[in-house]
Amino acid sequence: MSTSLSKLKNLPFWQNLSLSEQEIMSNCVQIRRYQKDELIYSHDHECLGLIKVLSGEIRTFMLSDEGREIVLYRLKAGDTDVLSASCVVNQITFETQMVAESNCEILIIPAVYLSNFKENSLYVRCFIFEKLGERFSDVMSQMQKILFTPVEVRLSGAIKEHLKQCKGSEITVTHEQLAGEINSSREVVSRILKRMEHEGSIILGRGKITVTDTANIN
């Protein structure tokens, strides 16, 4: 059994497809690999279709008129997404971009085939709109954080998340990376971090932060 076919069988609608539909999907599916920071999708590039992340992580974001990046959500291994199928789903009316957050491998059901499956299979159509609902919820949650959660709270939360992923009290992260994670500017993040250092909660280093008082990071 090919790798792509085994991954297709994990899609919720696979068992509800006819044998001919399964054969068509098996023949059209693509596996692509992207390097860290490589552009995967944008409104002025090809309409990809349905994607499933096999490994790595993808950052989905919008750009403001001033060129500021607003992260909407991240996709990890096992996640599926349809916002890269804007030519197939008319309900997608806002422009997003996708970039490889790390080296990644993704499975793609190309847009031209996905369009036919959407029109002819109730199960595929329901899956697409279910995913749209999930992503809309993700976007609204992110907008709520940006609009109503103070930058200090978002930054503290990001630092705590990094602490969970490492051993000890030292995290390797730049001010710019933190700013991207919380949808703020590097200048604002640097100012808050310096204040936290002055208060004795952290020690700043080049590309790293040592947390000395976790209780006061809130």
C-alpha atoms as a PDB file:
ATOM      1  CA  MET A   1       0.000   0.000   0.000  1.00  0.00           C
ATOM      2  CA  SER A   2       1.429   3.374  -0.975  1.00  0.00           C
ATOM      3  CA  THR A   3       1.995   6.039   1.677  1.00  0.00           C
ATOM      4  CA  SER A   4      -0.474   8.421   0.035  1.00  0.00           C
ATOM      5  CA  LEU A   5      -3.219   5.774  -0.084  1.00  0.00           C
ATOM      6  CA  SER A   6      -2.715   4.856   3.571  1.00  0.00           C
ATOM      7  CA  LYS A   7      -3.034   8.547   4.501  1.00  0.00           C
ATOM      8  CA  LEU A   8      -6.152   8.946   2.364  1.00  0.00           C
ATOM      9  CA  LYS A   9      -7.818   6.111   4.232  1.00  0.00           C
ATOM     10  CA  ASN A  10      -7.551   8.193   7.414  1.00  0.00           C
ATOM     11  CA  LEU A  11      -9.771  10.930   5.968  1.00  0.00           C
ATOM     12  CA  PRO A  12     -13.273  10.765   7.555  1.00  0.00           C
ATOM     13  CA  PHE A  13     -15.137  10.594   4.252  1.00  0.00           C
ATOM     14  CA  TRP A  14     -12.968   7.903   2.606  1.00  0.00           C
ATOM     15  CA  GLN A  15     -15.157   4.919   3.496  1.00  0.00           C
ATOM     16  CA  ASN A  16     -18.230   6.693   2.123  1.00  0.00           C
ATOM     17  CA  LEU A  17     -16.747   7.138  -1.338  1.00  0.00           C
ATOM     18  CA  SER A  18     -17.591   4.709  -4.104  1.00  0.00           C
ATOM     19  CA  LEU A  19     -14.824   2.431  -5.374  1.00  0.00           C
ATOM     20  CA  SER A  20     -14.491   4.538  -8.521  1.00  0.00           C
ATOM     21  CA  GLU A  21     -14.250   7.732  -6.449  1.00  0.00           C
ATOM     22  CA  GLN A  22     -11.616   6.134  -4.233  1.00  0.00           C
ATOM     23  CA  GLU A  23      -9.633   5.164  -7.306  1.00  0.00           C
ATOM     24  CA  ILE A  24      -9.829   8.668  -8.757  1.00  0.00           C
ATOM     25  CA  MET A  25      -8.733  10.225  -5.456  1.00  0.00           C
ATOM     26  CA  SER A  26      -5.895   7.726  -5.092  1.00  0.00           C
ATOM     27  CA  ASN A  27      -4.623   8.595  -8.573  1.00  0.00           C
ATOM     28  CA  CYS A  28      -4.858  12.369  -8.177  1.00  0.00           C
ATOM     29  CA  VAL A  29      -3.476  12.814  -4.659  1.00  0.00           C
ATOM     30  CA  GLN A  30      -0.082  14.521  -4.352  1.00  0.00           C
ATOM     31  CA  ILE A  31       2.621  14.520  -1.689  1.00  0.00           C
ATOM     32  CA  ARG A  32       4.710  17.686  -1.526  1.00  0.00           C
ATOM     33  CA  ARG A  33       7.617  18.691   0.690  1.00  0.00           C
ATOM     34  CA  TYR A  34       8.438  22.242   1.730  1.00  0.00           C
ATOM     35  CA  GLN A  35      11.454  23.724   3.444  1.00  0.00           C
ATOM     36  CA  LYS A  36      11.217  25.945   6.534  1.00  0.00           C
ATOM     37  CA  ASP A  37       9.946  29.455   5.635  1.00  0.00           C
ATOM     38  CA  GLU A  38       8.913  28.365   2.126  1.00  0.00           C
ATOM     39  CA  LEU A  39       5.642  29.800   0.839  1.00  0.00           C
ATOM     40  CA  ILE A  40       3.017  27.083   0.439  1.00  0.00           C
ATOM     41  CA  TYR A  41      -0.022  29.085  -0.577  1.00  0.00           C
ATOM     42  CA  SER A  42      -1.171  32.663  -1.204  1.00  0.00           C
ATOM     43  CA  HIS A  43      -4.042  34.253  -3.106  1.00  0.00           C
ATOM     44  CA  ASP A  44      -1.846  34.997  -6.129  1.00  0.00           C
ATOM     45  CA  HIS A  45      -0.417  31.450  -6.319  1.00  0.00           C
ATOM     46  CA  GLU A  46      -2.075  28.234  -7.425  1.00  0.00           C
ATOM     47  CA  CYS A  47      -5.262  27.149  -5.700  1.00  0.00           C
ATOM     48  CA  LEU A  48      -4.057  24.023  -3.907  1.00  0.00           C
ATOM     49  CA  GLY A  49      -7.165  22.207  -2.728  1.00  0.00           C
ATOM     50  CA  LEU A  50      -7.624  20.156   0.425  1.00  0.00           C
ATOM     51  CA  ILE A  51      -4.414  19.649   2.372  1.00  0.00           C
ATOM     52  CA  LYS A  52      -3.433  17.286   5.181  1.00  0.00           C
ATOM     53  CA  VAL A  53      -0.233  17.900   7.110  1.00  0.00           C
ATOM     54  CA  LEU A  54       1.817  14.698   7.308  1.00  0.00           C
ATOM     55  CA  SER A  55       4.765  16.184   9.175  1.00  0.00           C
ATOM     56  CA  GLY A  56       5.995  19.583  10.294  1.00  0.00           C
ATOM     57  CA  GLU A  57       3.986  22.721  10.976  1.00  0.00           C
ATOM     58  CA  ILE A  58       2.319  25.386   8.811  1.00  0.00           C
ATOM     59  CA  ARG A  59       1.573  28.999   9.733  1.00  0.00           C
ATOM     60  CA  THR A  60      -1.559  30.563   8.228  1.00  0.00           C
ATOM     61  CA  PHE A  61      -1.764  34.344   8.284  1.00  0.00           C
ATOM     62  CA  MET A  62      -3.067  37.536   6.711  1.00  0.00           C
ATOM     63  CA  LEU A  63      -1.102  40.646   5.785  1.00  0.00           C
ATOM     64  CA  SER A  64      -2.356  44.118   6.655  1.00  0.00           C
ATOM     65  CA  ASP A  65      -2.073  46.996   4.175  1.00  0.00           C
ATOM     66  CA  GLU A  66       1.064  48.053   6.067  1.00  0.00           C
ATOM     67  CA  GLY A  67       2.607  44.619   5.605  1.00  0.00           C
ATOM     68  CA  ARG A  68       2.085  43.465   9.196  1.00  0.00           C
ATOM     69  CA  GLU A  69       1.552  39.746   9.558  1.00  0.00           C
ATOM     70  CA  ILE A  70      -1.457  38.581  11.571  1.00  0.00           C
ATOM     71  CA  VAL A  71      -1.239  34.885  12.426  1.00  0.00           C
ATOM     72  CA  LEU A  72      -4.648  33.205  12.207  1.00  0.00           C
ATOM     73  CA  TYR A  73      -3.768  29.641  13.208  1.00  0.00           C
ATOM     74  CA  ARG A  74      -1.147  26.930  12.865  1.00  0.00           C
ATOM     75  CA  LEU A  75      -1.519  23.459  11.383  1.00  0.00           C
ATOM     76  CA  LYS A  76       0.381  20.489  12.791  1.00  0.00           C
ATOM     77  CA  ALA A  77       0.824  16.880  11.718  1.00  0.00           C
ATOM     78  CA  GLY A  78      -2.570  15.247  11.283  1.00  0.00           C
ATOM     79  CA  ASP A  79      -4.460  18.509  10.666  1.00  0.00           C
ATOM     80  CA  THR A  80      -6.493  19.089   7.502  1.00  0.00           C
ATOM     81  CA  ASP A  81      -7.424  22.415   5.944  1.00  0.00           C
ATOM     82  CA  VAL A  82      -9.444  23.802   3.034  1.00  0.00           C
ATOM     83  CA  LEU A  83      -8.637  27.541   3.127  1.00  0.00           C
ATOM     84  CA  SER A  84      -6.109  26.838   0.376  1.00  0.00           C
ATOM     85  CA  ALA A  85      -9.070  25.805  -1.823  1.00  0.00           C
ATOM     86  CA  SER A  86     -10.543  29.269  -2.299  1.00  0.00           C
ATOM     87  CA  CYS A  87     -11.231  28.582  -5.980  1.00  0.00           C
ATOM     88  CA  VAL A  88     -13.408  25.633  -4.968  1.00  0.00           C
ATOM     89  CA  VAL A  89     -15.268  27.107  -1.998  1.00  0.00           C
ATOM     90  CA  ASN A  90     -16.985  30.387  -2.824  1.00  0.00           C
ATOM     91  CA  GLN A  91     -17.546  31.084   0.872  1.00  0.00           C
ATOM     92  CA  ILE A  92     -13.814  31.802   1.316  1.00  0.00           C
ATOM     93  CA  THR A  93     -13.730  35.544   0.700  1.00  0.00           C
ATOM     94  CA  PHE A  94     -10.632  36.670   2.629  1.00  0.00           C
ATOM     95  CA  GLU A  95      -7.050  36.292   1.498  1.00  0.00           C
ATOM     96  CA  THR A  96      -4.702  34.107   3.512  1.00  0.00           C
ATOM     97  CA  GLN A  97      -1.174  32.860   3.097  1.00  0.00           C
ATOM     98  CA  MET A  98       0.503  29.683   4.295  1.00  0.00           C
ATOM     99  CA  VAL A  99       4.187  29.292   5.096  1.00  0.00           C
ATOM    100  CA  ALA A 100       6.126  26.282   6.330  1.00  0.00           C
ATOM    101  CA  GLU A 101       6.935  26.945   9.974  1.00  0.00           C
ATOM    102  CA  SER A 102       9.365  24.010   9.779  1.00  0.00           C
ATOM    103  CA  ASN A 103      10.324  21.486   7.119  1.00  0.00           C
ATOM    104  CA  CYS A 104       7.051  19.801   6.317  1.00  0.00           C
ATOM    105  CA  GLU A 105       5.331  17.251   4.129  1.00  0.00           C
ATOM    106  CA  ILE A 106       1.715  17.633   3.066  1.00  0.00           C
ATOM    107  CA  LEU A 107      -0.853  15.567   1.225  1.00  0.00           C
ATOM    108  CA  ILE A 108      -2.914  17.473  -1.355  1.00  0.00           C
ATOM    109  CA  ILE A 109      -6.172  16.638  -3.099  1.00  0.00           C
ATOM    110  CA  PRO A 110      -5.849  19.121  -6.001  1.00  0.00           C
ATOM    111  CA  ALA A 111      -8.532  21.775  -6.398  1.00  0.00           C
ATOM    112  CA  VAL A 112      -9.724  20.584  -9.820  1.00  0.00           C
ATOM    113  CA  TYR A 113     -10.527  17.137  -8.401  1.00  0.00           C
ATOM    114  CA  LEU A 114     -11.770  18.447  -5.071  1.00  0.00           C
ATOM    115  CA  SER A 115     -14.335  20.562  -6.921  1.00  0.00           C
ATOM    116  CA  ASN A 116     -15.821  17.446  -8.538  1.00  0.00           C
ATOM    117  CA  PHE A 117     -15.852  15.537  -5.255  1.00  0.00           C
ATOM    118  CA  LYS A 118     -17.539  18.485  -3.549  1.00  0.00           C
ATOM    119  CA  GLU A 119     -20.304  18.577  -6.159  1.00  0.00           C
ATOM    120  CA  ASN A 120     -20.884  14.820  -6.309  1.00  0.00           C
ATOM    121  CA  SER A 121     -20.266  13.583  -2.768  1.00  0.00           C
ATOM    122  CA  LEU A 122     -22.360  14.738   0.167  1.00  0.00           C
ATOM    123  CA  TYR A 123     -19.730  13.399   2.557  1.00  0.00           C
ATOM    124  CA  VAL A 124     -16.886  15.393   0.997  1.00  0.00           C
ATOM    125  CA  ARG A 125     -19.074  18.511   0.881  1.00  0.00           C
ATOM    126  CA  CYS A 126     -20.022  18.147   4.548  1.00  0.00           C
ATOM    127  CA  PHE A 127     -16.380  17.613   5.496  1.00  0.00           C
ATOM    128  CA  ILE A 128     -15.326  20.773   3.644  1.00  0.00           C
ATOM    129  CA  PHE A 129     -17.920  22.936   5.365  1.00  0.00           C
ATOM    130  CA  GLU A 130     -17.148  21.356   8.736  1.00  0.00           C
ATOM    131  CA  LYS A 131     -13.506  22.343   8.293  1.00  0.00           C
ATOM    132  CA  LEU A 132     -14.521  25.839   7.223  1.00  0.00           C
ATOM    133  CA  GLY A 133     -16.509  26.145  10.436  1.00  0.00           C
ATOM    134  CA  GLU A 134     -13.541  25.012  12.511  1.00  0.00           C
ATOM    135  CA  ARG A 135     -11.180  27.456  10.837  1.00  0.00           C
ATOM    136  CA  PHE A 136     -13.656  30.304  11.195  1.00  0.00           C
ATOM    137  CA  SER A 137     -13.794  29.490  14.913  1.00  0.00           C
ATOM    138  CA  ASP A 138      -9.972  29.523  15.067  1.00  0.00           C
ATOM    139  CA  VAL A 139      -9.840  32.897  13.325  1.00  0.00           C
ATOM    140  CA  MET A 140     -12.501  34.419  15.584  1.00  0.00           C
ATOM    141  CA  SER A 141     -10.679  33.136  18.669  1.00  0.00           C
ATOM    142  CA  GLN A 142      -7.445  34.718  17.445  1.00  0.00           C
ATOM    143  CA  MET A 143      -9.170  38.016  16.677  1.00  0.00           C
ATOM    144  CA  GLN A 144     -10.709  37.989  20.144  1.00  0.00           C
ATOM    145  CA  LYS A 145      -7.258  37.588  21.703  1.00  0.00           C
ATOM    146  CA  ILE A 146      -5.828  40.412  19.607  1.00  0.00           C
ATOM    147  CA  LEU A 147      -8.697  42.783  20.374  1.00  0.00           C
ATOM    148  CA  PHE A 148      -9.420  42.000  24.013  1.00  0.00           C
ATOM    149  CA  THR A 149      -6.374  40.334  25.603  1.00  0.00           C
ATOM    150  CA  PRO A 150      -3.553  42.690  26.695  1.00  0.00           C
ATOM    151  CA  VAL A 151      -0.210  42.190  24.957  1.00  0.00           C
ATOM    152  CA  GLU A 152       1.454  41.478  28.314  1.00  0.00           C
ATOM    153  CA  VAL A 153      -0.896  38.563  28.952  1.00  0.00           C
ATOM    154  CA  ARG A 154      -0.397  37.132  25.449  1.00  0.00           C
ATOM    155  CA  LEU A 155       3.376  37.422  25.794  1.00  0.00           C
ATOM    156  CA  SER A 156       3.397  35.712  29.183  1.00  0.00           C
ATOM    157  CA  GLY A 157       1.288  32.921  27.749  1.00  0.00           C
ATOM    158  CA  ALA A 158       3.699  32.459  24.837  1.00  0.00           C
ATOM    159  CA  ILE A 159       6.688  32.259  27.213  1.00  0.00           C
ATOM    160  CA  LYS A 160       4.897  29.645  29.322  1.00  0.00           C
ATOM    161  CA  GLU A 161       4.133  27.583  26.217  1.00  0.00           C
ATOM    162  CA  HIS A 162       7.822  27.608  25.290  1.00  0.00           C
ATOM    163  CA  LEU A 163       8.718  26.532  28.830  1.00  0.00           C
ATOM    164  CA  LYS A 164       6.429  23.512  28.503  1.00  0.00           C
ATOM    165  CA  GLN A 165       8.348  22.381  25.425  1.00  0.00           C
ATOM    166  CA  CYS A 166      11.835  22.558  26.914  1.00  0.00           C
ATOM    167  CA  LYS A 167      13.707  21.187  29.891  1.00  0.00           C
ATOM    168  CA  GLY A 168      14.835  23.697  32.473  1.00  0.00           C
ATOM    169  CA  SER A 169      14.108  27.396  32.651  1.00  0.00           C
ATOM    170  CA  GLU A 170      15.864  28.616  29.494  1.00  0.00           C
ATOM    171  CA  ILE A 171      13.996  28.978  26.208  1.00  0.00           C
ATOM    172  CA  THR A 172      15.563  29.649  22.834  1.00  0.00           C
ATOM    173  CA  VAL A 173      13.474  32.273  21.081  1.00  0.00           C
ATOM    174  CA  THR A 174      13.979  35.743  19.623  1.00  0.00           C
ATOM    175  CA  HIS A 175      11.929  38.844  20.320  1.00  0.00           C
ATOM    176  CA  GLU A 176      10.816  38.796  16.693  1.00  0.00           C
ATOM    177  CA  GLN A 177       9.589  35.203  16.963  1.00  0.00           C
ATOM    178  CA  LEU A 178       7.589  36.015  20.086  1.00  0.00           C
ATOM    179  CA  ALA A 179       6.117  39.066  18.381  1.00  0.00           C
ATOM    180  CA  GLY A 180       4.975  36.897  15.489  1.00  0.00           C
ATOM    181  CA  GLU A 181       3.423  34.362  17.819  1.00  0.00           C
ATOM    182  CA  ILE A 182       1.305  36.931  19.675  1.00  0.00           C
ATOM    183  CA  ASN A 183       0.564  39.229  16.726  1.00  0.00           C
ATOM    184  CA  SER A 184       2.448  42.231  18.047  1.00  0.00           C
ATOM    185  CA  SER A 185       5.524  44.215  17.024  1.00  0.00           C
ATOM    186  CA  ARG A 186       9.088  43.383  17.992  1.00  0.00           C
ATOM    187  CA  GLU A 187       9.487  46.831  19.576  1.00  0.00           C
ATOM    188  CA  VAL A 188       6.516  46.289  21.884  1.00  0.00           C
ATOM    189  CA  VAL A 189       7.681  42.801  22.841  1.00  0.00           C
ATOM    190  CA  SER A 190      11.225  44.019  23.558  1.00  0.00           C
ATOM    191  CA  ARG A 191       9.895  46.800  25.770  1.00  0.00           C
ATOM    192  CA  ILE A 192       7.760  44.405  27.827  1.00  0.00           C
ATOM    193  CA  LEU A 193      10.579  41.860  28.129  1.00  0.00           C
ATOM    194  CA  LYS A 194      12.972  44.528  29.400  1.00  0.00           C
ATOM    195  CA  ARG A 195      10.423  45.540  32.004  1.00  0.00           C
ATOM    196  CA  MET A 196      10.018  41.895  33.056  1.00  0.00           C
ATOM    197  CA  GLU A 197      13.795  41.625  33.353  1.00  0.00           C
ATOM    198  CA  HIS A 198      13.896  44.762  35.506  1.00  0.00           C
ATOM    199  CA  GLU A 199      11.226  43.200  37.753  1.00  0.00           C
ATOM    200  CA  GLY A 200      13.369  40.088  38.147  1.00  0.00           C
ATOM    201  CA  SER A 201      11.117  37.612  36.357  1.00  0.00           C
ATOM    202  CA  ILE A 202      13.488  36.839  33.469  1.00  0.00           C
ATOM    203  CA  ILE A 203      17.052  37.277  32.262  1.00  0.00           C
ATOM    204  CA  LEU A 204      17.478  38.229  28.619  1.00  0.00           C
ATOM    205  CA  GLY A 205      20.239  36.777  26.464  1.00  0.00           C
ATOM    206  CA  ARG A 206      21.046  36.732  22.773  1.00  0.00           C
ATOM    207  CA  GLY A 207      18.279  34.618  21.226  1.00  0.00           C
ATOM    208  CA  LYS A 208      17.278  33.197  24.588  1.00  0.00           C
ATOM    209  CA  ILE A 209      15.306  33.975  27.729  1.00  0.00           C
ATOM    210  CA  THR A 210      15.917  32.508  31.170  1.00  0.00           C
ATOM    211  CA  VAL A 211      12.869  32.466  33.405  1.00  0.00           C
ATOM    212  CA  THR A 212      13.848  33.105  37.030  1.00  0.00           C
ATOM    213  CA  ASP A 213      10.400  33.641  38.574  1.00  0.00           C
ATOM    214  CA  THR A 214       7.615  31.693  36.890  1.00  0.00           C
ATOM    215  CA  ALA A 215       5.027  32.850  39.434  1.00  0.00           C
ATOM    216  CA  ASN A 216       5.391  36.461  38.350  1.00  0.00           C
ATOM    217  CA  ILE A 217       4.888  35.693  34.655  1.00  0.00           C
ATOM    218  CA  ASN A 218       1.175  36.287  34.327  1.00  0.00           C
END
